[in-house]
Amino acid sequence: LVIALGFSACGGNESSTKSSSETGQELFEKSALGTAAGCKTCHSLEPGVIVIGPSLAGIGSSAGTRVENQTAEAYLKESILKPDAYLVEGFPAGVMPNSYGSQLSTEEVDSLVGYLLTIK
């Protein structure tokens, strides 16, 4: 019994040892988030490479400059939850799914934002 309790205590929850940005990266790399396309399905992380949506290369550095008086974190969160609030020039409204707010938890959205902020 003591050995079993020891293994149980050491096993822990693997996700609790991951950083928020690691969890965010895993979410970003999924091909689907809920019933909608996943981030990597439409967004490249390579500069100038357009898949469907704009490249997210350097988004961690540029997000804070997109909307006056808005932090990078707030801009990214709003872009995920209300994708048509601020459109990148050359990309039409209505393409990015607007269902992430109902299909992702607050923690998942925060993890995605945390990961995106690391992309410099």
PDB file of N, CA and C in Angstrom:
ATOM      1  N   LEU A   1       0.826  -1.195   0.000  1.00  0.00           N
ATOM      2  CA  LEU A   1       0.000   0.000   0.000  1.00  0.00           C
ATOM      3  C   LEU A   1       0.867   1.256   0.000  1.00  0.00           C
ATOM      4  N   VAL A   2       1.913   1.264   0.817  1.00  0.00           N
ATOM      5  CA  VAL A   2       2.798   2.427   0.880  1.00  0.00           C
ATOM      6  C   VAL A   2       3.476   2.661  -0.460  1.00  0.00           C
ATOM      7  N   ILE A   3       3.924   1.587  -1.110  1.00  0.00           N
ATOM      8  CA  ILE A   3       4.568   1.711  -2.411  1.00  0.00           C
ATOM      9  C   ILE A   3       3.574   2.256  -3.435  1.00  0.00           C
ATOM     10  N   ALA A   4       2.343   1.756  -3.423  1.00  0.00           N
ATOM     11  CA  ALA A   4       1.326   2.232  -4.356  1.00  0.00           C
ATOM     12  C   ALA A   4       1.056   3.719  -4.146  1.00  0.00           C
ATOM     13  N   LEU A   5       0.977   4.150  -2.890  1.00  0.00           N
ATOM     14  CA  LEU A   5       0.774   5.574  -2.600  1.00  0.00           C
ATOM     15  C   LEU A   5       1.963   6.401  -3.065  1.00  0.00           C
ATOM     16  N   GLY A   6       3.157   5.875  -2.922  1.00  0.00           N
ATOM     17  CA  GLY A   6       4.356   6.564  -3.375  1.00  0.00           C
ATOM     18  C   GLY A   6       4.351   6.773  -4.882  1.00  0.00           C
ATOM     19  N   PHE A   7       4.000   5.719  -5.631  1.00  0.00           N
ATOM     20  CA  PHE A   7       3.918   5.847  -7.087  1.00  0.00           C
ATOM     21  C   PHE A   7       2.828   6.835  -7.480  1.00  0.00           C
ATOM     22  N   SER A   8       1.720   6.771  -6.776  1.00  0.00           N
ATOM     23  CA  SER A   8       0.611   7.670  -7.078  1.00  0.00           C
ATOM     24  C   SER A   8       1.024   9.120  -6.854  1.00  0.00           C
ATOM     25  N   ALA A   9       1.708   9.382  -5.767  1.00  0.00           N
ATOM     26  CA  ALA A   9       2.131  10.749  -5.457  1.00  0.00           C
ATOM     27  C   ALA A   9       3.178  11.245  -6.449  1.00  0.00           C
ATOM     28  N   CYS A  10       4.049  10.373  -6.899  1.00  0.00           N
ATOM     29  CA  CYS A  10       5.099  10.784  -7.833  1.00  0.00           C
ATOM     30  C   CYS A  10       4.579  10.954  -9.257  1.00  0.00           C
ATOM     31  N   GLY A  11       3.552  10.189  -9.589  1.00  0.00           N
ATOM     32  CA  GLY A  11       3.017  10.241 -10.951  1.00  0.00           C
ATOM     33  C   GLY A  11       2.453  11.604 -11.271  1.00  0.00           C
ATOM     34  N   GLY A  12       1.678  12.145 -10.369  1.00  0.00           N
ATOM     35  CA  GLY A  12       1.113  13.475 -10.553  1.00  0.00           C
ATOM     36  C   GLY A  12       0.358  13.628 -11.850  1.00  0.00           C
ATOM     37  N   ASN A  13      -0.055  14.823 -12.098  1.00  0.00           N
ATOM     38  CA  ASN A  13      -0.756  15.161 -13.334  1.00  0.00           C
ATOM     39  C   ASN A  13       0.260  15.794 -14.267  1.00  0.00           C
ATOM     40  N   GLU A  14       0.532  15.142 -15.393  1.00  0.00           N
ATOM     41  CA  GLU A  14       1.565  15.610 -16.316  1.00  0.00           C
ATOM     42  C   GLU A  14       1.298  17.038 -16.780  1.00  0.00           C
ATOM     43  N   SER A  15       0.016  17.377 -17.007  1.00  0.00           N
ATOM     44  CA  SER A  15      -0.286  18.712 -17.517  1.00  0.00           C
ATOM     45  C   SER A  15       0.016  19.793 -16.490  1.00  0.00           C
ATOM     46  N   SER A  16       0.008  19.448 -15.189  1.00  0.00           N
ATOM     47  CA  SER A  16       0.294  20.461 -14.181  1.00  0.00           C
ATOM     48  C   SER A  16       1.768  20.849 -14.174  1.00  0.00           C
ATOM     49  N   THR A  17       2.628  20.020 -14.768  1.00  0.00           N
ATOM     50  CA  THR A  17       4.045  20.348 -14.810  1.00  0.00           C
ATOM     51  C   THR A  17       4.418  21.135 -16.058  1.00  0.00           C
ATOM     52  N   LYS A  18       3.502  21.266 -16.988  1.00  0.00           N
ATOM     53  CA  LYS A  18       3.765  22.017 -18.208  1.00  0.00           C
ATOM     54  C   LYS A  18       3.562  23.500 -17.948  1.00  0.00           C
ATOM     55  N   SER A  19       4.353  24.303 -18.607  1.00  0.00           N
ATOM     56  CA  SER A  19       4.145  25.736 -18.514  1.00  0.00           C
ATOM     57  C   SER A  19       2.938  26.111 -19.353  1.00  0.00           C
ATOM     58  N   SER A  20       2.414  27.279 -19.090  1.00  0.00           N
ATOM     59  CA  SER A  20       1.275  27.778 -19.849  1.00  0.00           C
ATOM     60  C   SER A  20       1.617  27.878 -21.332  1.00  0.00           C
ATOM     61  N   SER A  21       2.832  28.361 -21.646  1.00  0.00           N
ATOM     62  CA  SER A  21       3.188  28.503 -23.063  1.00  0.00           C
ATOM     63  C   SER A  21       3.375  27.142 -23.734  1.00  0.00           C
ATOM     64  N   GLU A  22       3.804  26.118 -22.993  1.00  0.00           N
ATOM     65  CA  GLU A  22       3.894  24.765 -23.569  1.00  0.00           C
ATOM     66  C   GLU A  22       2.499  24.236 -23.892  1.00  0.00           C
ATOM     67  N   THR A  23       1.576  24.463 -22.977  1.00  0.00           N
ATOM     68  CA  THR A  23       0.192  24.061 -23.217  1.00  0.00           C
ATOM     69  C   THR A  23      -0.365  24.832 -24.403  1.00  0.00           C
ATOM     70  N   GLY A  24      -0.061  26.125 -24.477  1.00  0.00           N
ATOM     71  CA  GLY A  24      -0.504  26.949 -25.596  1.00  0.00           C
ATOM     72  C   GLY A  24       0.065  26.468 -26.914  1.00  0.00           C
ATOM     73  N   GLN A  25       1.336  26.063 -26.907  1.00  0.00           N
ATOM     74  CA  GLN A  25       1.948  25.551 -28.135  1.00  0.00           C
ATOM     75  C   GLN A  25       1.255  24.264 -28.572  1.00  0.00           C
ATOM     76  N   GLU A  26       0.949  23.391 -27.634  1.00  0.00           N
ATOM     77  CA  GLU A  26       0.239  22.158 -27.975  1.00  0.00           C
ATOM     78  C   GLU A  26      -1.128  22.476 -28.581  1.00  0.00           C
ATOM     79  N   LEU A  27      -1.828  23.452 -28.004  1.00  0.00           N
ATOM     80  CA  LEU A  27      -3.124  23.854 -28.558  1.00  0.00           C
ATOM     81  C   LEU A  27      -2.952  24.429 -29.960  1.00  0.00           C
ATOM     82  N   PHE A  28      -1.944  25.299 -30.140  1.00  0.00           N
ATOM     83  CA  PHE A  28      -1.685  25.916 -31.440  1.00  0.00           C
ATOM     84  C   PHE A  28      -1.451  24.857 -32.506  1.00  0.00           C
ATOM     85  N   GLU A  29      -0.752  23.802 -32.158  1.00  0.00           N
ATOM     86  CA  GLU A  29      -0.353  22.788 -33.121  1.00  0.00           C
ATOM     87  C   GLU A  29      -1.431  21.757 -33.437  1.00  0.00           C
ATOM     88  N   LYS A  30      -2.545  21.788 -32.711  1.00  0.00           N
ATOM     89  CA  LYS A  30      -3.640  20.864 -33.015  1.00  0.00           C
ATOM     90  C   LYS A  30      -4.279  21.256 -34.343  1.00  0.00           C
ATOM     91  N   SER A  31      -4.712  20.262 -35.085  1.00  0.00           N
ATOM     92  CA  SER A  31      -5.355  20.561 -36.368  1.00  0.00           C
ATOM     93  C   SER A  31      -6.796  21.014 -36.182  1.00  0.00           C
ATOM     94  N   ALA A  32      -7.375  20.754 -35.004  1.00  0.00           N
ATOM     95  CA  ALA A  32      -8.729  21.213 -34.705  1.00  0.00           C
ATOM     96  C   ALA A  32      -8.805  21.620 -33.240  1.00  0.00           C
ATOM     97  N   LEU A  33      -9.573  22.667 -32.986  1.00  0.00           N
ATOM     98  CA  LEU A  33      -9.869  23.102 -31.626  1.00  0.00           C
ATOM     99  C   LEU A  33     -11.387  23.071 -31.495  1.00  0.00           C
ATOM    100  N   GLY A  34     -11.883  22.088 -30.784  1.00  0.00           N
ATOM    101  CA  GLY A  34     -13.323  21.878 -30.759  1.00  0.00           C
ATOM    102  C   GLY A  34     -13.765  21.450 -32.142  1.00  0.00           C
ATOM    103  N   THR A  35     -14.763  22.132 -32.674  1.00  0.00           N
ATOM    104  CA  THR A  35     -15.253  21.801 -34.011  1.00  0.00           C
ATOM    105  C   THR A  35     -14.665  22.727 -35.073  1.00  0.00           C
ATOM    106  N   ALA A  36     -13.792  23.633 -34.666  1.00  0.00           N
ATOM    107  CA  ALA A  36     -13.195  24.591 -35.602  1.00  0.00           C
ATOM    108  C   ALA A  36     -11.762  24.181 -35.943  1.00  0.00           C
ATOM    109  N   ALA A  37     -11.268  24.750 -37.019  1.00  0.00           N
ATOM    110  CA  ALA A  37      -9.875  24.493 -37.423  1.00  0.00           C
ATOM    111  C   ALA A  37      -8.933  24.986 -36.338  1.00  0.00           C
ATOM    112  N   GLY A  38      -7.829  24.285 -36.160  1.00  0.00           N
ATOM    113  CA  GLY A  38      -6.808  24.712 -35.225  1.00  0.00           C
ATOM    114  C   GLY A  38      -5.968  25.829 -35.814  1.00  0.00           C
ATOM    115  N   CYS A  39      -5.223  26.510 -34.979  1.00  0.00           N
ATOM    116  CA  CYS A  39      -4.436  27.683 -35.391  1.00  0.00           C
ATOM    117  C   CYS A  39      -3.494  27.373 -36.549  1.00  0.00           C
ATOM    118  N   LYS A  40      -2.729  26.277 -36.415  1.00  0.00           N
ATOM    119  CA  LYS A  40      -1.716  25.976 -37.435  1.00  0.00           C
ATOM    120  C   LYS A  40      -2.325  25.613 -38.780  1.00  0.00           C
ATOM    121  N   THR A  41      -3.609  25.288 -38.792  1.00  0.00           N
ATOM    122  CA  THR A  41      -4.284  24.965 -40.037  1.00  0.00           C
ATOM    123  C   THR A  41      -4.322  26.173 -40.960  1.00  0.00           C
ATOM    124  N   CYS A  42      -4.404  27.368 -40.371  1.00  0.00           N
ATOM    125  CA  CYS A  42      -4.558  28.592 -41.168  1.00  0.00           C
ATOM    126  C   CYS A  42      -3.419  29.591 -41.020  1.00  0.00           C
ATOM    127  N   HIS A  43      -2.626  29.470 -39.952  1.00  0.00           N
ATOM    128  CA  HIS A  43      -1.572  30.452 -39.693  1.00  0.00           C
ATOM    129  C   HIS A  43      -0.191  29.813 -39.693  1.00  0.00           C
ATOM    130  N   SER A  44       0.699  30.382 -40.481  1.00  0.00           N
ATOM    131  CA  SER A  44       2.100  29.970 -40.507  1.00  0.00           C
ATOM    132  C   SER A  44       2.864  30.734 -39.436  1.00  0.00           C
ATOM    133  N   LEU A  45       3.957  30.172 -39.000  1.00  0.00           N
ATOM    134  CA  LEU A  45       4.874  30.881 -38.102  1.00  0.00           C
ATOM    135  C   LEU A  45       6.116  31.354 -38.855  1.00  0.00           C
ATOM    136  N   GLU A  46       6.116  31.152 -40.172  1.00  0.00           N
ATOM    137  CA  GLU A  46       7.226  31.585 -41.024  1.00  0.00           C
ATOM    138  C   GLU A  46       6.924  32.977 -41.577  1.00  0.00           C
ATOM    139  N   PRO A  47       7.894  33.871 -41.522  1.00  0.00           N
ATOM    140  CA  PRO A  47       7.670  35.226 -42.043  1.00  0.00           C
ATOM    141  C   PRO A  47       7.227  35.204 -43.506  1.00  0.00           C
ATOM    142  N   GLY A  48       6.151  35.930 -43.797  1.00  0.00           N
ATOM    143  CA  GLY A  48       5.676  36.074 -45.160  1.00  0.00           C
ATOM    144  C   GLY A  48       4.958  34.882 -45.752  1.00  0.00           C
ATOM    145  N   VAL A  49       4.839  33.791 -45.025  1.00  0.00           N
ATOM    146  CA  VAL A  49       4.160  32.605 -45.543  1.00  0.00           C
ATOM    147  C   VAL A  49       2.683  32.689 -45.163  1.00  0.00           C
ATOM    148  N   ILE A  50       1.840  32.806 -46.185  1.00  0.00           N
ATOM    149  CA  ILE A  50       0.401  32.908 -45.988  1.00  0.00           C
ATOM    150  C   ILE A  50      -0.228  31.557 -46.299  1.00  0.00           C
ATOM    151  N   VAL A  51      -0.988  31.044 -45.365  1.00  0.00           N
ATOM    152  CA  VAL A  51      -1.734  29.805 -45.591  1.00  0.00           C
ATOM    153  C   VAL A  51      -3.163  30.231 -45.942  1.00  0.00           C
ATOM    154  N   ILE A  52      -3.940  30.591 -44.952  1.00  0.00           N
ATOM    155  CA  ILE A  52      -5.272  31.170 -45.139  1.00  0.00           C
ATOM    156  C   ILE A  52      -5.320  32.523 -44.440  1.00  0.00           C
ATOM    157  N   GLY A  53      -4.834  32.530 -43.198  1.00  0.00           N
ATOM    158  CA  GLY A  53      -4.764  33.766 -42.427  1.00  0.00           C
ATOM    159  C   GLY A  53      -3.353  34.308 -42.461  1.00  0.00           C
ATOM    160  N   PRO A  54      -3.157  35.463 -41.843  1.00  0.00           N
ATOM    161  CA  PRO A  54      -1.817  36.066 -41.862  1.00  0.00           C
ATOM    162  C   PRO A  54      -0.791  35.220 -41.107  1.00  0.00           C
ATOM    163  N   SER A  55       0.460  35.363 -41.499  1.00  0.00           N
ATOM    164  CA  SER A  55       1.557  34.717 -40.780  1.00  0.00           C
ATOM    165  C   SER A  55       1.600  35.293 -39.372  1.00  0.00           C
ATOM    166  N   LEU A  56       1.908  34.450 -38.410  1.00  0.00           N
ATOM    167  CA  LEU A  56       2.033  34.905 -37.027  1.00  0.00           C
ATOM    168  C   LEU A  56       3.497  35.029 -36.611  1.00  0.00           C
ATOM    169  N   ALA A  57       4.389  35.011 -37.572  1.00  0.00           N
ATOM    170  CA  ALA A  57       5.812  35.206 -37.275  1.00  0.00           C
ATOM    171  C   ALA A  57       5.981  36.560 -36.593  1.00  0.00           C
ATOM    172  N   GLY A  58       6.625  36.579 -35.459  1.00  0.00           N
ATOM    173  CA  GLY A  58       6.888  37.818 -34.743  1.00  0.00           C
ATOM    174  C   GLY A  58       5.699  38.422 -34.019  1.00  0.00           C
ATOM    175  N   ILE A  59       4.611  37.680 -33.894  1.00  0.00           N
ATOM    176  CA  ILE A  59       3.399  38.231 -33.293  1.00  0.00           C
ATOM    177  C   ILE A  59       3.624  38.660 -31.841  1.00  0.00           C
ATOM    178  N   GLY A  60       4.515  37.996 -31.143  1.00  0.00           N
ATOM    179  CA  GLY A  60       4.793  38.370 -29.760  1.00  0.00           C
ATOM    180  C   GLY A  60       5.375  39.761 -29.651  1.00  0.00           C
ATOM    181  N   SER A  61       6.069  40.200 -30.681  1.00  0.00           N
ATOM    182  CA  SER A  61       6.659  41.539 -30.705  1.00  0.00           C
ATOM    183  C   SER A  61       5.701  42.571 -31.296  1.00  0.00           C
ATOM    184  N   SER A  62       4.904  42.185 -32.269  1.00  0.00           N
ATOM    185  CA  SER A  62       4.076  43.161 -32.974  1.00  0.00           C
ATOM    186  C   SER A  62       2.675  43.344 -32.411  1.00  0.00           C
ATOM    187  N   ALA A  63       2.178  42.396 -31.648  1.00  0.00           N
ATOM    188  CA  ALA A  63       0.793  42.460 -31.168  1.00  0.00           C
ATOM    189  C   ALA A  63       0.511  43.722 -30.353  1.00  0.00           C
ATOM    190  N   GLY A  64       1.484  44.163 -29.586  1.00  0.00           N
ATOM    191  CA  GLY A  64       1.299  45.347 -28.749  1.00  0.00           C
ATOM    192  C   GLY A  64       1.270  46.650 -29.516  1.00  0.00           C
ATOM    193  N   THR A  65       1.580  46.606 -30.800  1.00  0.00           N
ATOM    194  CA  THR A  65       1.582  47.826 -31.616  1.00  0.00           C
ATOM    195  C   THR A  65       0.392  47.885 -32.567  1.00  0.00           C
ATOM    196  N   ARG A  66      -0.447  46.859 -32.566  1.00  0.00           N
ATOM    197  CA  ARG A  66      -1.547  46.777 -33.531  1.00  0.00           C
ATOM    198  C   ARG A  66      -2.683  47.756 -33.237  1.00  0.00           C
ATOM    199  N   VAL A  67      -3.039  47.917 -31.967  1.00  0.00           N
ATOM    200  CA  VAL A  67      -4.146  48.793 -31.581  1.00  0.00           C
ATOM    201  C   VAL A  67      -3.659  49.745 -30.496  1.00  0.00           C
ATOM    202  N   GLU A  68      -3.827  51.021 -30.748  1.00  0.00           N
ATOM    203  CA  GLU A  68      -3.362  52.036 -29.810  1.00  0.00           C
ATOM    204  C   GLU A  68      -3.965  51.814 -28.424  1.00  0.00           C
ATOM    205  N   ASN A  69      -3.124  51.935 -27.414  1.00  0.00           N
ATOM    206  CA  ASN A  69      -3.511  51.793 -25.999  1.00  0.00           C
ATOM    207  C   ASN A  69      -4.031  50.403 -25.634  1.00  0.00           C
ATOM    208  N   GLN A  70      -3.629  49.383 -26.374  1.00  0.00           N
ATOM    209  CA  GLN A  70      -4.019  48.015 -26.043  1.00  0.00           C
ATOM    210  C   GLN A  70      -2.761  47.164 -25.924  1.00  0.00           C
ATOM    211  N   THR A  71      -2.683  46.381 -24.862  1.00  0.00           N
ATOM    212  CA  THR A  71      -1.511  45.528 -24.659  1.00  0.00           C
ATOM    213  C   THR A  71      -1.505  44.390 -25.677  1.00  0.00           C
ATOM    214  N   ALA A  72      -0.351  43.808 -25.843  1.00  0.00           N
ATOM    215  CA  ALA A  72      -0.225  42.647 -26.736  1.00  0.00           C
ATOM    216  C   ALA A  72      -1.144  41.527 -26.267  1.00  0.00           C
ATOM    217  N   GLU A  73      -1.156  41.288 -24.976  1.00  0.00           N
ATOM    218  CA  GLU A  73      -1.995  40.227 -24.422  1.00  0.00           C
ATOM    219  C   GLU A  73      -3.479  40.476 -24.717  1.00  0.00           C
ATOM    220  N   ALA A  74      -3.943  41.700 -24.501  1.00  0.00           N
ATOM    221  CA  ALA A  74      -5.351  42.025 -24.753  1.00  0.00           C
ATOM    222  C   ALA A  74      -5.687  41.900 -26.239  1.00  0.00           C
ATOM    223  N   TYR A  75      -4.775  42.363 -27.087  1.00  0.00           N
ATOM    224  CA  TYR A  75      -4.997  42.270 -28.537  1.00  0.00           C
ATOM    225  C   TYR A  75      -5.126  40.811 -28.982  1.00  0.00           C
ATOM    226  N   LEU A  76      -4.214  39.967 -28.511  1.00  0.00           N
ATOM    227  CA  LEU A  76      -4.237  38.561 -28.915  1.00  0.00           C
ATOM    228  C   LEU A  76      -5.489  37.855 -28.395  1.00  0.00           C
ATOM    229  N   LYS A  77      -5.846  38.129 -27.155  1.00  0.00           N
ATOM    230  CA  LYS A  77      -7.032  37.506 -26.577  1.00  0.00           C
ATOM    231  C   LYS A  77      -8.282  37.909 -27.368  1.00  0.00           C
ATOM    232  N   GLU A  78      -8.412  39.188 -27.673  1.00  0.00           N
ATOM    233  CA  GLU A  78      -9.562  39.653 -28.435  1.00  0.00           C
ATOM    234  C   GLU A  78      -9.554  39.074 -29.850  1.00  0.00           C
ATOM    235  N   SER A  79      -8.371  38.919 -30.420  1.00  0.00           N
ATOM    236  CA  SER A  79      -8.266  38.353 -31.771  1.00  0.00           C
ATOM    237  C   SER A  79      -8.720  36.904 -31.813  1.00  0.00           C
ATOM    238  N   ILE A  80      -8.542  36.192 -30.716  1.00  0.00           N
ATOM    239  CA  ILE A  80      -8.991  34.799 -30.634  1.00  0.00           C
ATOM    240  C   ILE A  80     -10.500  34.741 -30.372  1.00  0.00           C
ATOM    241  N   LEU A  81     -10.962  35.561 -29.437  1.00  0.00           N
ATOM    242  CA  LEU A  81     -12.357  35.499 -29.024  1.00  0.00           C
ATOM    243  C   LEU A  81     -13.311  36.254 -29.946  1.00  0.00           C
ATOM    244  N   LYS A  82     -12.828  37.344 -30.539  1.00  0.00           N
ATOM    245  CA  LYS A  82     -13.640  38.161 -31.454  1.00  0.00           C
ATOM    246  C   LYS A  82     -12.796  38.456 -32.690  1.00  0.00           C
ATOM    247  N   PRO A  83     -12.613  37.461 -33.535  1.00  0.00           N
ATOM    248  CA  PRO A  83     -11.637  37.573 -34.625  1.00  0.00           C
ATOM    249  C   PRO A  83     -11.881  38.687 -35.637  1.00  0.00           C
ATOM    250  N   ASP A  84     -13.085  39.205 -35.715  1.00  0.00           N
ATOM    251  CA  ASP A  84     -13.345  40.280 -36.677  1.00  0.00           C
ATOM    252  C   ASP A  84     -13.221  41.669 -36.050  1.00  0.00           C
ATOM    253  N   ALA A  85     -12.839  41.748 -34.780  1.00  0.00           N
ATOM    254  CA  ALA A  85     -12.718  43.046 -34.104  1.00  0.00           C
ATOM    255  C   ALA A  85     -11.627  43.900 -34.747  1.00  0.00           C
ATOM    256  N   TYR A  86     -10.498  43.297 -35.069  1.00  0.00           N
ATOM    257  CA  TYR A  86      -9.376  43.996 -35.712  1.00  0.00           C
ATOM    258  C   TYR A  86      -8.866  43.100 -36.831  1.00  0.00           C
ATOM    259  N   LEU A  87      -9.008  43.550 -38.039  1.00  0.00           N
ATOM    260  CA  LEU A  87      -8.590  42.743 -39.183  1.00  0.00           C
ATOM    261  C   LEU A  87      -7.219  43.188 -39.688  1.00  0.00           C
ATOM    262  N   VAL A  88      -6.410  42.231 -40.030  1.00  0.00           N
ATOM    263  CA  VAL A  88      -5.129  42.515 -40.651  1.00  0.00           C
ATOM    264  C   VAL A  88      -5.429  42.884 -42.104  1.00  0.00           C
ATOM    265  N   GLU A  89      -4.795  43.958 -42.568  1.00  0.00           N
ATOM    266  CA  GLU A  89      -5.024  44.430 -43.933  1.00  0.00           C
ATOM    267  C   GLU A  89      -4.826  43.292 -44.935  1.00  0.00           C
ATOM    268  N   GLY A  90      -5.774  43.173 -45.846  1.00  0.00           N
ATOM    269  CA  GLY A  90      -5.699  42.147 -46.881  1.00  0.00           C
ATOM    270  C   GLY A  90      -6.414  40.857 -46.524  1.00  0.00           C
ATOM    271  N   PHE A  91      -6.958  40.769 -45.304  1.00  0.00           N
ATOM    272  CA  PHE A  91      -7.650  39.559 -44.864  1.00  0.00           C
ATOM    273  C   PHE A  91      -9.088  39.913 -44.510  1.00  0.00           C
ATOM    274  N   PRO A  92     -10.061  39.241 -45.136  1.00  0.00           N
ATOM    275  CA  PRO A  92     -11.470  39.602 -44.946  1.00  0.00           C
ATOM    276  C   PRO A  92     -12.047  39.117 -43.616  1.00  0.00           C
ATOM    277  N   ALA A  93     -13.122  39.749 -43.223  1.00  0.00           N
ATOM    278  CA  ALA A  93     -13.868  39.330 -42.034  1.00  0.00           C
ATOM    279  C   ALA A  93     -14.565  38.002 -42.310  1.00  0.00           C
ATOM    280  N   GLY A  94     -14.881  37.294 -41.257  1.00  0.00           N
ATOM    281  CA  GLY A  94     -15.678  36.085 -41.379  1.00  0.00           C
ATOM    282  C   GLY A  94     -14.940  34.826 -41.748  1.00  0.00           C
ATOM    283  N   VAL A  95     -13.633  34.886 -41.851  1.00  0.00           N
ATOM    284  CA  VAL A  95     -12.875  33.688 -42.221  1.00  0.00           C
ATOM    285  C   VAL A  95     -12.458  32.904 -40.975  1.00  0.00           C
ATOM    286  N   MET A  96     -11.917  33.606 -39.980  1.00  0.00           N
ATOM    287  CA  MET A  96     -11.497  32.927 -38.754  1.00  0.00           C
ATOM    288  C   MET A  96     -12.738  32.557 -37.941  1.00  0.00           C
ATOM    289  N   PRO A  97     -12.790  31.318 -37.452  1.00  0.00           N
ATOM    290  CA  PRO A  97     -13.948  30.898 -36.649  1.00  0.00           C
ATOM    291  C   PRO A  97     -14.139  31.812 -35.434  1.00  0.00           C
ATOM    292  N   ASN A  98     -15.388  32.095 -35.113  1.00  0.00           N
ATOM    293  CA  ASN A  98     -15.667  32.922 -33.933  1.00  0.00           C
ATOM    294  C   ASN A  98     -16.208  32.073 -32.789  1.00  0.00           C
ATOM    295  N   SER A  99     -15.929  30.794 -32.811  1.00  0.00           N
ATOM    296  CA  SER A  99     -16.450  29.874 -31.798  1.00  0.00           C
ATOM    297  C   SER A  99     -15.445  29.509 -30.708  1.00  0.00           C
ATOM    298  N   TYR A 100     -14.240  30.034 -30.782  1.00  0.00           N
ATOM    299  CA  TYR A 100     -13.230  29.645 -29.792  1.00  0.00           C
ATOM    300  C   TYR A 100     -13.619  30.034 -28.373  1.00  0.00           C
ATOM    301  N   GLY A 101     -14.335  31.131 -28.202  1.00  0.00           N
ATOM    302  CA  GLY A 101     -14.758  31.564 -26.870  1.00  0.00           C
ATOM    303  C   GLY A 101     -15.676  30.569 -26.196  1.00  0.00           C
ATOM    304  N   SER A 102     -16.463  29.855 -26.972  1.00  0.00           N
ATOM    305  CA  SER A 102     -17.367  28.862 -26.391  1.00  0.00           C
ATOM    306  C   SER A 102     -16.763  27.459 -26.385  1.00  0.00           C
ATOM    307  N   GLN A 103     -15.707  27.250 -27.151  1.00  0.00           N
ATOM    308  CA  GLN A 103     -15.132  25.907 -27.242  1.00  0.00           C
ATOM    309  C   GLN A 103     -13.821  25.740 -26.479  1.00  0.00           C
ATOM    310  N   LEU A 104     -13.222  26.848 -26.073  1.00  0.00           N
ATOM    311  CA  LEU A 104     -11.984  26.791 -25.291  1.00  0.00           C
ATOM    312  C   LEU A 104     -12.245  27.370 -23.910  1.00  0.00           C
ATOM    313  N   SER A 105     -11.592  26.813 -22.924  1.00  0.00           N
ATOM    314  CA  SER A 105     -11.709  27.357 -21.574  1.00  0.00           C
ATOM    315  C   SER A 105     -10.893  28.650 -21.475  1.00  0.00           C
ATOM    316  N   THR A 106     -11.153  29.412 -20.444  1.00  0.00           N
ATOM    317  CA  THR A 106     -10.376  30.628 -20.200  1.00  0.00           C
ATOM    318  C   THR A 106      -8.898  30.296 -20.083  1.00  0.00           C
ATOM    319  N   GLU A 107      -8.590  29.189 -19.424  1.00  0.00           N
ATOM    320  CA  GLU A 107      -7.201  28.763 -19.258  1.00  0.00           C
ATOM    321  C   GLU A 107      -6.558  28.420 -20.598  1.00  0.00           C
ATOM    322  N   GLU A 108      -7.311  27.778 -21.471  1.00  0.00           N
ATOM    323  CA  GLU A 108      -6.775  27.427 -22.786  1.00  0.00           C
ATOM    324  C   GLU A 108      -6.505  28.687 -23.614  1.00  0.00           C
ATOM    325  N   VAL A 109      -7.423  29.638 -23.586  1.00  0.00           N
ATOM    326  CA  VAL A 109      -7.209  30.892 -24.310  1.00  0.00           C
ATOM    327  C   VAL A 109      -5.984  31.602 -23.745  1.00  0.00           C
ATOM    328  N   ASP A 110      -5.874  31.655 -22.428  1.00  0.00           N
ATOM    329  CA  ASP A 110      -4.715  32.296 -21.798  1.00  0.00           C
ATOM    330  C   ASP A 110      -3.418  31.585 -22.168  1.00  0.00           C
ATOM    331  N   SER A 111      -3.463  30.263 -22.269  1.00  0.00           N
ATOM    332  CA  SER A 111      -2.273  29.503 -22.670  1.00  0.00           C
ATOM    333  C   SER A 111      -1.892  29.798 -24.115  1.00  0.00           C
ATOM    334  N   LEU A 112      -2.879  29.884 -24.992  1.00  0.00           N
ATOM    335  CA  LEU A 112      -2.598  30.248 -26.389  1.00  0.00           C
ATOM    336  C   LEU A 112      -1.966  31.626 -26.465  1.00  0.00           C
ATOM    337  N   VAL A 113      -2.533  32.570 -25.742  1.00  0.00           N
ATOM    338  CA  VAL A 113      -1.980  33.928 -25.724  1.00  0.00           C
ATOM    339  C   VAL A 113      -0.555  33.895 -25.186  1.00  0.00           C
ATOM    340  N   GLY A 114      -0.324  33.151 -24.118  1.00  0.00           N
ATOM    341  CA  GLY A 114       1.011  33.035 -23.548  1.00  0.00           C
ATOM    342  C   GLY A 114       2.009  32.493 -24.560  1.00  0.00           C
ATOM    343  N   TYR A 115       1.592  31.497 -25.324  1.00  0.00           N
ATOM    344  CA  TYR A 115       2.467  30.941 -26.344  1.00  0.00           C
ATOM    345  C   TYR A 115       2.724  31.956 -27.450  1.00  0.00           C
ATOM    346  N   LEU A 116       1.678  32.598 -27.936  1.00  0.00           N
ATOM    347  CA  LEU A 116       1.839  33.566 -29.016  1.00  0.00           C
ATOM    348  C   LEU A 116       2.783  34.706 -28.611  1.00  0.00           C
ATOM    349  N   LEU A 117       2.751  35.068 -27.348  1.00  0.00           N
ATOM    350  CA  LEU A 117       3.647  36.133 -26.870  1.00  0.00           C
ATOM    351  C   LEU A 117       5.122  35.716 -26.925  1.00  0.00           C
ATOM    352  N   THR A 118       5.394  34.426 -26.989  1.00  0.00           N
ATOM    353  CA  THR A 118       6.783  33.959 -27.052  1.00  0.00           C
ATOM    354  C   THR A 118       7.331  33.974 -28.487  1.00  0.00           C
ATOM    355  N   ILE A 119       6.446  34.166 -29.458  1.00  0.00           N
ATOM    356  CA  ILE A 119       6.862  34.125 -30.866  1.00  0.00           C
ATOM    357  C   ILE A 119       7.375  35.505 -31.262  1.00  0.00           C
ATOM    358  N   LYS A 120       8.682  35.672 -31.196  1.00  0.00           N
ATOM    359  CA  LYS A 120       9.293  36.999 -31.428  1.00  0.00           C
ATOM    360  C   LYS A 120       9.823  37.163 -32.811  1.00  0.00           C
TER     361      LYS A 120
END
